[in-house]
């Protein structure tokens, strides 16, 4: 049996690479829209900057905040509760 902190650490370390690599490819794919020029570039730039910023925020939330919130919620439910890791 593992504590909520150990479970959050295990889950975060197992999913970190997949989450970051997927998000990074999307973020890099948005760069041409962020730096768009020419006819209609302002609308492409607006969409590109929004999607780029959203994905950066998503990576931060997904990798840092979610495991922390898991620990917080589990800690509030029962401080001595243990979860079973597969």
PDB file of N, CA and C in Angstrom:
ATOM      1  N   UNK A   1       0.836  -1.173   0.000  1.00  0.00           N
ATOM      2  CA  UNK A   1       0.000   0.000   0.000  1.00  0.00           C
ATOM      3  C   UNK A   1       0.886   1.243   0.000  1.00  0.00           C
ATOM      4  N   UNK A   2       0.439   2.246  -0.736  1.00  0.00           N
ATOM      5  CA  UNK A   2       1.197   3.483  -0.835  1.00  0.00           C
ATOM      6  C   UNK A   2       0.343   4.655  -0.364  1.00  0.00           C
ATOM      7  N   UNK A   3       1.004   5.682   0.092  1.00  0.00           N
ATOM      8  CA  UNK A   3       0.278   6.877   0.506  1.00  0.00           C
ATOM      9  C   UNK A   3      -0.149   7.661  -0.729  1.00  0.00           C
ATOM     10  N   UNK A   4      -0.998   8.650  -0.522  1.00  0.00           N
ATOM     11  CA  UNK A   4      -1.466   9.485  -1.629  1.00  0.00           C
ATOM     12  C   UNK A   4      -0.308  10.227  -2.285  1.00  0.00           C
ATOM     13  N   UNK A   5       0.675  10.615  -1.498  1.00  0.00           N
ATOM     14  CA  UNK A   5       1.829  11.331  -2.054  1.00  0.00           C
ATOM     15  C   UNK A   5       2.638  10.410  -2.963  1.00  0.00           C
ATOM     16  N   UNK A   6       2.861   9.183  -2.531  1.00  0.00           N
ATOM     17  CA  UNK A   6       3.594   8.226  -3.365  1.00  0.00           C
ATOM     18  C   UNK A   6       2.817   7.916  -4.642  1.00  0.00           C
ATOM     19  N   UNK A   7       1.494   7.793  -4.532  1.00  0.00           N
ATOM     20  CA  UNK A   7       0.669   7.519  -5.709  1.00  0.00           C
ATOM     21  C   UNK A   7       0.720   8.682  -6.695  1.00  0.00           C
ATOM     22  N   UNK A   8       0.672   9.918  -6.200  1.00  0.00           N
ATOM     23  CA  UNK A   8       0.752  11.089  -7.070  1.00  0.00           C
ATOM     24  C   UNK A   8       2.117  11.179  -7.747  1.00  0.00           C
ATOM     25  N   UNK A   9       3.176  10.899  -7.002  1.00  0.00           N
ATOM     26  CA  UNK A   9       4.522  10.917  -7.585  1.00  0.00           C
ATOM     27  C   UNK A   9       4.660   9.861  -8.673  1.00  0.00           C
ATOM     28  N   UNK A  10       4.144   8.676  -8.408  1.00  0.00           N
ATOM     29  CA  UNK A  10       4.226   7.592  -9.378  1.00  0.00           C
ATOM     30  C   UNK A  10       3.448   7.927 -10.644  1.00  0.00           C
ATOM     31  N   UNK A  11       2.233   8.415 -10.475  1.00  0.00           N
ATOM     32  CA  UNK A  11       1.414   8.779 -11.633  1.00  0.00           C
ATOM     33  C   UNK A  11       2.018   9.912 -12.435  1.00  0.00           C
ATOM     34  N   UNK A  12       2.536  10.915 -11.744  1.00  0.00           N
ATOM     35  CA  UNK A  12       3.137  12.055 -12.437  1.00  0.00           C
ATOM     36  C   UNK A  12       4.383  11.644 -13.210  1.00  0.00           C
ATOM     37  N   UNK A  13       5.204  10.791 -12.624  1.00  0.00           N
ATOM     38  CA  UNK A  13       6.428  10.383 -13.322  1.00  0.00           C
ATOM     39  C   UNK A  13       6.135   9.476 -14.513  1.00  0.00           C
ATOM     40  N   UNK A  14       5.090   8.667 -14.422  1.00  0.00           N
ATOM     41  CA  UNK A  14       4.744   7.777 -15.535  1.00  0.00           C
ATOM     42  C   UNK A  14       4.129   8.542 -16.700  1.00  0.00           C
ATOM     43  N   UNK A  15       3.367   9.592 -16.432  1.00  0.00           N
ATOM     44  CA  UNK A  15       2.667  10.316 -17.478  1.00  0.00           C
ATOM     45  C   UNK A  15       3.409  11.543 -17.982  1.00  0.00           C
ATOM     46  N   UNK A  16       4.469  11.964 -17.303  1.00  0.00           N
ATOM     47  CA  UNK A  16       5.153  13.210 -17.643  1.00  0.00           C
ATOM     48  C   UNK A  16       5.636  13.234 -19.092  1.00  0.00           C
ATOM     49  N   UNK A  17       6.355  12.225 -19.507  1.00  0.00           N
ATOM     50  CA  UNK A  17       6.929  12.205 -20.853  1.00  0.00           C
ATOM     51  C   UNK A  17       5.855  12.250 -21.923  1.00  0.00           C
ATOM     52  N   UNK A  18       4.804  11.454 -21.774  1.00  0.00           N
ATOM     53  CA  UNK A  18       3.745  11.418 -22.774  1.00  0.00           C
ATOM     54  C   UNK A  18       3.015  12.758 -22.868  1.00  0.00           C
ATOM     55  N   UNK A  19       2.714  13.348 -21.738  1.00  0.00           N
ATOM     56  CA  UNK A  19       2.004  14.627 -21.737  1.00  0.00           C
ATOM     57  C   UNK A  19       2.866  15.724 -22.351  1.00  0.00           C
ATOM     58  N   UNK A  20       4.116  15.804 -21.943  1.00  0.00           N
ATOM     59  CA  UNK A  20       4.988  16.874 -22.422  1.00  0.00           C
ATOM     60  C   UNK A  20       5.302  16.702 -23.909  1.00  0.00           C
ATOM     61  N   UNK A  21       5.565  15.490 -24.361  1.00  0.00           N
ATOM     62  CA  UNK A  21       5.887  15.294 -25.774  1.00  0.00           C
ATOM     63  C   UNK A  21       4.698  15.596 -26.673  1.00  0.00           C
ATOM     64  N   UNK A  22       3.511  15.195 -26.268  1.00  0.00           N
ATOM     65  CA  UNK A  22       2.318  15.480 -27.060  1.00  0.00           C
ATOM     66  C   UNK A  22       2.059  16.977 -27.115  1.00  0.00           C
ATOM     67  N   UNK A  23       2.130  17.626 -25.970  1.00  0.00           N
ATOM     68  CA  UNK A  23       1.891  19.066 -25.923  1.00  0.00           C
ATOM     69  C   UNK A  23       2.979  19.830 -26.674  1.00  0.00           C
ATOM     70  N   UNK A  24       4.209  19.393 -26.558  1.00  0.00           N
ATOM     71  CA  UNK A  24       5.310  20.079 -27.226  1.00  0.00           C
ATOM     72  C   UNK A  24       5.165  20.031 -28.744  1.00  0.00           C
ATOM     73  N   UNK A  25       4.734  18.913 -29.282  1.00  0.00           N
ATOM     74  CA  UNK A  25       4.538  18.844 -30.732  1.00  0.00           C
ATOM     75  C   UNK A  25       3.430  19.791 -31.175  1.00  0.00           C
ATOM     76  N   UNK A  26       2.368  19.886 -30.402  1.00  0.00           N
ATOM     77  CA  UNK A  26       1.298  20.815 -30.749  1.00  0.00           C
ATOM     78  C   UNK A  26       1.773  22.262 -30.628  1.00  0.00           C
ATOM     79  N   UNK A  27       2.519  22.564 -29.571  1.00  0.00           N
ATOM     80  CA  UNK A  27       3.027  23.923 -29.366  1.00  0.00           C
ATOM     81  C   UNK A  27       3.958  24.316 -30.514  1.00  0.00           C
ATOM     82  N   UNK A  28       4.846  23.427 -30.898  1.00  0.00           N
ATOM     83  CA  UNK A  28       5.749  23.724 -32.017  1.00  0.00           C
ATOM     84  C   UNK A  28       4.986  23.840 -33.334  1.00  0.00           C
ATOM     85  N   UNK A  29       3.909  23.093 -33.473  1.00  0.00           N
ATOM     86  CA  UNK A  29       3.074  23.206 -34.660  1.00  0.00           C
ATOM     87  C   UNK A  29       2.341  24.529 -34.754  1.00  0.00           C
ATOM     88  N   UNK A  30       2.150  25.187 -33.639  1.00  0.00           N
ATOM     89  CA  UNK A  30       1.474  26.486 -33.611  1.00  0.00           C
ATOM     90  C   UNK A  30       2.398  27.646 -33.949  1.00  0.00           C
ATOM     91  N   UNK A  31       3.706  27.435 -33.889  1.00  0.00           N
ATOM     92  CA  UNK A  31       4.643  28.533 -34.120  1.00  0.00           C
ATOM     93  C   UNK A  31       4.475  29.232 -35.470  1.00  0.00           C
ATOM     94  N   UNK A  32       4.220  28.527 -36.582  1.00  0.00           N
ATOM     95  CA  UNK A  32       3.989  29.255 -37.834  1.00  0.00           C
ATOM     96  C   UNK A  32       2.786  30.199 -37.765  1.00  0.00           C
ATOM     97  N   UNK A  33       1.762  29.826 -37.005  1.00  0.00           N
ATOM     98  CA  UNK A  33       0.615  30.723 -36.865  1.00  0.00           C
ATOM     99  C   UNK A  33       0.945  31.906 -35.963  1.00  0.00           C
ATOM    100  N   UNK A  34       1.766  31.694 -34.958  1.00  0.00           N
ATOM    101  CA  UNK A  34       2.141  32.785 -34.058  1.00  0.00           C
ATOM    102  C   UNK A  34       2.946  33.839 -34.810  1.00  0.00           C
ATOM    103  N   UNK A  35       3.809  33.409 -35.702  1.00  0.00           N
ATOM    104  CA  UNK A  35       4.666  34.332 -36.454  1.00  0.00           C
ATOM    105  C   UNK A  35       4.172  34.554 -37.880  1.00  0.00           C
ATOM    106  N   UNK A  36       2.874  34.432 -38.110  1.00  0.00           N
ATOM    107  CA  UNK A  36       2.302  34.572 -39.449  1.00  0.00           C
ATOM    108  C   UNK A  36       2.498  35.994 -39.976  1.00  0.00           C
ATOM    109  N   UNK A  37       2.635  36.088 -41.289  1.00  0.00           N
ATOM    110  CA  UNK A  37       2.723  37.395 -41.943  1.00  0.00           C
ATOM    111  C   UNK A  37       1.982  37.308 -43.269  1.00  0.00           C
ATOM    112  N   UNK A  38       1.661  38.443 -43.823  1.00  0.00           N
ATOM    113  CA  UNK A  38       0.965  38.469 -45.103  1.00  0.00           C
ATOM    114  C   UNK A  38      -0.530  38.677 -44.932  1.00  0.00           C
ATOM    115  N   UNK A  39      -1.258  38.381 -46.006  1.00  0.00           N
ATOM    116  CA  UNK A  39      -2.705  38.597 -46.023  1.00  0.00           C
ATOM    117  C   UNK A  39      -3.393  37.704 -45.000  1.00  0.00           C
ATOM    118  N   UNK A  40      -4.225  38.298 -44.168  1.00  0.00           N
ATOM    119  CA  UNK A  40      -4.970  37.543 -43.162  1.00  0.00           C
ATOM    120  C   UNK A  40      -4.142  37.103 -41.977  1.00  0.00           C
ATOM    121  N   UNK A  41      -2.961  37.674 -41.832  1.00  0.00           N
ATOM    122  CA  UNK A  41      -2.068  37.205 -40.765  1.00  0.00           C
ATOM    123  C   UNK A  41      -2.551  37.581 -39.373  1.00  0.00           C
ATOM    124  N   UNK A  42      -3.283  38.658 -39.242  1.00  0.00           N
ATOM    125  CA  UNK A  42      -3.729  39.066 -37.908  1.00  0.00           C
ATOM    126  C   UNK A  42      -4.692  38.050 -37.305  1.00  0.00           C
ATOM    127  N   UNK A  43      -5.580  37.494 -38.109  1.00  0.00           N
ATOM    128  CA  UNK A  43      -6.504  36.482 -37.570  1.00  0.00           C
ATOM    129  C   UNK A  43      -5.758  35.179 -37.257  1.00  0.00           C
ATOM    130  N   UNK A  44      -4.823  34.802 -38.122  1.00  0.00           N
ATOM    131  CA  UNK A  44      -4.033  33.599 -37.852  1.00  0.00           C
ATOM    132  C   UNK A  44      -3.170  33.787 -36.616  1.00  0.00           C
ATOM    133  N   UNK A  45      -2.611  34.971 -36.464  1.00  0.00           N
ATOM    134  CA  UNK A  45      -1.777  35.260 -35.300  1.00  0.00           C
ATOM    135  C   UNK A  45      -2.595  35.198 -34.007  1.00  0.00           C
ATOM    136  N   UNK A  46      -3.803  35.737 -34.051  1.00  0.00           N
ATOM    137  CA  UNK A  46      -4.664  35.722 -32.854  1.00  0.00           C
ATOM    138  C   UNK A  46      -5.000  34.286 -32.448  1.00  0.00           C
ATOM    139  N   UNK A  47      -5.330  33.460 -33.411  1.00  0.00           N
ATOM    140  CA  UNK A  47      -5.635  32.055 -33.116  1.00  0.00           C
ATOM    141  C   UNK A  47      -4.374  31.332 -32.640  1.00  0.00           C
ATOM    142  N   UNK A  48      -3.250  31.581 -33.292  1.00  0.00           N
ATOM    143  CA  UNK A  48      -1.998  30.925 -32.937  1.00  0.00           C
ATOM    144  C   UNK A  48      -1.523  31.268 -31.536  1.00  0.00           C
ATOM    145  N   UNK A  49      -1.588  32.543 -31.178  1.00  0.00           N
ATOM    146  CA  UNK A  49      -1.137  32.961 -29.846  1.00  0.00           C
ATOM    147  C   UNK A  49      -2.056  32.377 -28.780  1.00  0.00           C
ATOM    148  N   UNK A  50      -3.358  32.358 -29.047  1.00  0.00           N
ATOM    149  CA  UNK A  50      -4.303  31.804 -28.084  1.00  0.00           C
ATOM    150  C   UNK A  50      -4.071  30.309 -27.876  1.00  0.00           C
ATOM    151  N   UNK A  51      -3.938  29.562 -28.954  1.00  0.00           N
ATOM    152  CA  UNK A  51      -3.712  28.118 -28.845  1.00  0.00           C
ATOM    153  C   UNK A  51      -2.354  27.820 -28.208  1.00  0.00           C
ATOM    154  N   UNK A  52      -1.335  28.570 -28.592  1.00  0.00           N
ATOM    155  CA  UNK A  52       0.008  28.401 -28.037  1.00  0.00           C
ATOM    156  C   UNK A  52      -0.001  28.642 -26.525  1.00  0.00           C
ATOM    157  N   UNK A  53      -0.581  29.752 -26.098  1.00  0.00           N
ATOM    158  CA  UNK A  53      -0.634  30.078 -24.668  1.00  0.00           C
ATOM    159  C   UNK A  53      -1.460  29.067 -23.890  1.00  0.00           C
ATOM    160  N   UNK A  54      -2.560  28.635 -24.470  1.00  0.00           N
ATOM    161  CA  UNK A  54      -3.404  27.641 -23.809  1.00  0.00           C
ATOM    162  C   UNK A  54      -2.696  26.318 -23.602  1.00  0.00           C
ATOM    163  N   UNK A  55      -1.928  25.892 -24.581  1.00  0.00           N
ATOM    164  CA  UNK A  55      -1.206  24.632 -24.444  1.00  0.00           C
ATOM    165  C   UNK A  55      -0.064  24.745 -23.435  1.00  0.00           C
ATOM    166  N   UNK A  56       0.603  25.874 -23.398  1.00  0.00           N
ATOM    167  CA  UNK A  56       1.657  26.071 -22.395  1.00  0.00           C
ATOM    168  C   UNK A  56       1.041  26.018 -20.995  1.00  0.00           C
ATOM    169  N   UNK A  57      -0.086  26.702 -20.819  1.00  0.00           N
ATOM    170  CA  UNK A  57      -0.780  26.673 -19.526  1.00  0.00           C
ATOM    171  C   UNK A  57      -1.251  25.261 -19.197  1.00  0.00           C
ATOM    172  N   UNK A  58      -1.718  24.541 -20.185  1.00  0.00           N
ATOM    173  CA  UNK A  58      -2.189  23.173 -19.988  1.00  0.00           C
ATOM    174  C   UNK A  58      -1.064  22.249 -19.530  1.00  0.00           C
ATOM    175  N   UNK A  59       0.110  22.413 -20.082  1.00  0.00           N
ATOM    176  CA  UNK A  59       1.256  21.588 -19.678  1.00  0.00           C
ATOM    177  C   UNK A  59       1.617  21.870 -18.222  1.00  0.00           C
ATOM    178  N   UNK A  60       1.627  23.138 -17.859  1.00  0.00           N
ATOM    179  CA  UNK A  60       1.951  23.495 -16.472  1.00  0.00           C
ATOM    180  C   UNK A  60       0.911  22.918 -15.519  1.00  0.00           C
ATOM    181  N   UNK A  61      -0.364  23.095 -15.848  1.00  0.00           N
ATOM    182  CA  UNK A  61      -1.438  22.577 -14.987  1.00  0.00           C
ATOM    183  C   UNK A  61      -1.390  21.051 -14.932  1.00  0.00           C
ATOM    184  N   UNK A  62      -1.215  20.425 -16.082  1.00  0.00           N
ATOM    185  CA  UNK A  62      -1.237  18.971 -16.138  1.00  0.00           C
ATOM    186  C   UNK A  62      -0.077  18.301 -15.444  1.00  0.00           C
ATOM    187  N   UNK A  63       1.073  18.939 -15.439  1.00  0.00           N
ATOM    188  CA  UNK A  63       2.242  18.301 -14.842  1.00  0.00           C
ATOM    189  C   UNK A  63       2.504  18.704 -13.398  1.00  0.00           C
ATOM    190  N   UNK A  64       2.073  19.881 -13.017  1.00  0.00           N
ATOM    191  CA  UNK A  64       2.366  20.353 -11.663  1.00  0.00           C
ATOM    192  C   UNK A  64       1.131  20.403 -10.765  1.00  0.00           C
ATOM    193  N   UNK A  65       0.068  20.978 -11.276  1.00  0.00           N
ATOM    194  CA  UNK A  65      -1.090  21.238 -10.434  1.00  0.00           C
ATOM    195  C   UNK A  65      -1.940  19.999 -10.174  1.00  0.00           C
ATOM    196  N   UNK A  66      -2.120  19.149 -11.170  1.00  0.00           N
ATOM    197  CA  UNK A  66      -2.989  17.984 -10.999  1.00  0.00           C
ATOM    198  C   UNK A  66      -2.480  17.025  -9.913  1.00  0.00           C
ATOM    199  N   UNK A  67      -1.198  16.628  -9.907  1.00  0.00           N
ATOM    200  CA  UNK A  67      -0.745  15.769  -8.805  1.00  0.00           C
ATOM    201  C   UNK A  67      -0.875  16.438  -7.433  1.00  0.00           C
ATOM    202  N   UNK A  68      -0.617  17.730  -7.387  1.00  0.00           N
ATOM    203  CA  UNK A  68      -0.770  18.447  -6.128  1.00  0.00           C
ATOM    204  C   UNK A  68      -2.209  18.476  -5.652  1.00  0.00           C
ATOM    205  N   UNK A  69      -3.134  18.677  -6.569  1.00  0.00           N
ATOM    206  CA  UNK A  69      -4.549  18.661  -6.201  1.00  0.00           C
ATOM    207  C   UNK A  69      -4.998  17.273  -5.766  1.00  0.00           C
ATOM    208  N   UNK A  70      -4.439  16.242  -6.383  1.00  0.00           N
ATOM    209  CA  UNK A  70      -4.760  14.873  -5.978  1.00  0.00           C
ATOM    210  C   UNK A  70      -4.356  14.644  -4.526  1.00  0.00           C
ATOM    211  N   UNK A  71      -3.169  15.085  -4.171  1.00  0.00           N
ATOM    212  CA  UNK A  71      -2.699  14.939  -2.789  1.00  0.00           C
ATOM    213  C   UNK A  71      -3.590  15.725  -1.835  1.00  0.00           C
ATOM    214  N   UNK A  72      -3.963  16.928  -2.244  1.00  0.00           N
ATOM    215  CA  UNK A  72      -4.817  17.762  -1.404  1.00  0.00           C
ATOM    216  C   UNK A  72      -6.178  17.121  -1.168  1.00  0.00           C
ATOM    217  N   UNK A  73      -6.794  16.616  -2.236  1.00  0.00           N
ATOM    218  CA  UNK A  73      -8.117  15.992  -2.104  1.00  0.00           C
ATOM    219  C   UNK A  73      -8.042  14.716  -1.272  1.00  0.00           C
ATOM    220  N   UNK A  74      -7.059  13.886  -1.537  1.00  0.00           N
ATOM    221  CA  UNK A  74      -6.907  12.656  -0.750  1.00  0.00           C
ATOM    222  C   UNK A  74      -6.606  12.978   0.706  1.00  0.00           C
ATOM    223  N   UNK A  75      -5.823  13.999   0.940  1.00  0.00           N
ATOM    224  CA  UNK A  75      -5.488  14.385   2.303  1.00  0.00           C
ATOM    225  C   UNK A  75      -6.692  14.894   3.067  1.00  0.00           C
ATOM    226  N   UNK A  76      -7.593  15.578   2.380  1.00  0.00           N
ATOM    227  CA  UNK A  76      -8.793  16.076   3.033  1.00  0.00           C
ATOM    228  C   UNK A  76      -9.786  14.962   3.317  1.00  0.00           C
ATOM    229  N   UNK A  77      -9.813  13.942   2.470  1.00  0.00           N
ATOM    230  CA  UNK A  77     -10.746  12.832   2.690  1.00  0.00           C
ATOM    231  C   UNK A  77     -10.381  12.052   3.937  1.00  0.00           C
ATOM    232  N   UNK A  78      -9.116  11.702   4.032  1.00  0.00           N
ATOM    233  CA  UNK A  78      -8.673  10.925   5.171  1.00  0.00           C
ATOM    234  C   UNK A  78      -7.151  11.015   5.247  1.00  0.00           C
ATOM    235  N   UNK A  79      -6.641  11.592   6.265  1.00  0.00           N
ATOM    236  CA  UNK A  79      -5.211  11.810   6.370  1.00  0.00           C
ATOM    237  C   UNK A  79      -4.391  10.519   6.445  1.00  0.00           C
ATOM    238  N   UNK A  80      -4.984   9.452   6.920  1.00  0.00           N
ATOM    239  CA  UNK A  80      -4.235   8.206   7.038  1.00  0.00           C
ATOM    240  C   UNK A  80      -4.571   7.224   5.922  1.00  0.00           C
ATOM    241  N   UNK A  81      -5.381   7.636   4.981  1.00  0.00           N
ATOM    242  CA  UNK A  81      -5.799   6.736   3.915  1.00  0.00           C
ATOM    243  C   UNK A  81      -4.617   6.339   3.044  1.00  0.00           C
ATOM    244  N   UNK A  82      -4.568   5.080   2.682  1.00  0.00           N
ATOM    245  CA  UNK A  82      -3.556   4.591   1.767  1.00  0.00           C
ATOM    246  C   UNK A  82      -4.241   4.086   0.519  1.00  0.00           C
ATOM    247  N   UNK A  83      -3.628   4.287  -0.632  1.00  0.00           N
ATOM    248  CA  UNK A  83      -4.174   3.823  -1.902  1.00  0.00           C
ATOM    249  C   UNK A  83      -3.286   2.691  -2.412  1.00  0.00           C
ATOM    250  N   UNK A  84      -3.882   1.801  -3.161  1.00  0.00           N
ATOM    251  CA  UNK A  84      -3.136   0.655  -3.669  1.00  0.00           C
ATOM    252  C   UNK A  84      -2.629   0.965  -5.069  1.00  0.00           C
ATOM    253  N   UNK A  85      -1.342   0.850  -5.266  1.00  0.00           N
ATOM    254  CA  UNK A  85      -0.742   1.055  -6.591  1.00  0.00           C
ATOM    255  C   UNK A  85      -0.772  -0.267  -7.345  1.00  0.00           C
ATOM    256  N   UNK A  86      -0.990  -0.176  -8.660  1.00  0.00           N
ATOM    257  CA  UNK A  86      -0.992  -1.429  -9.451  1.00  0.00           C
ATOM    258  C   UNK A  86       0.369  -2.069  -9.528  1.00  0.00           C
TER     259      UNK A  86
END
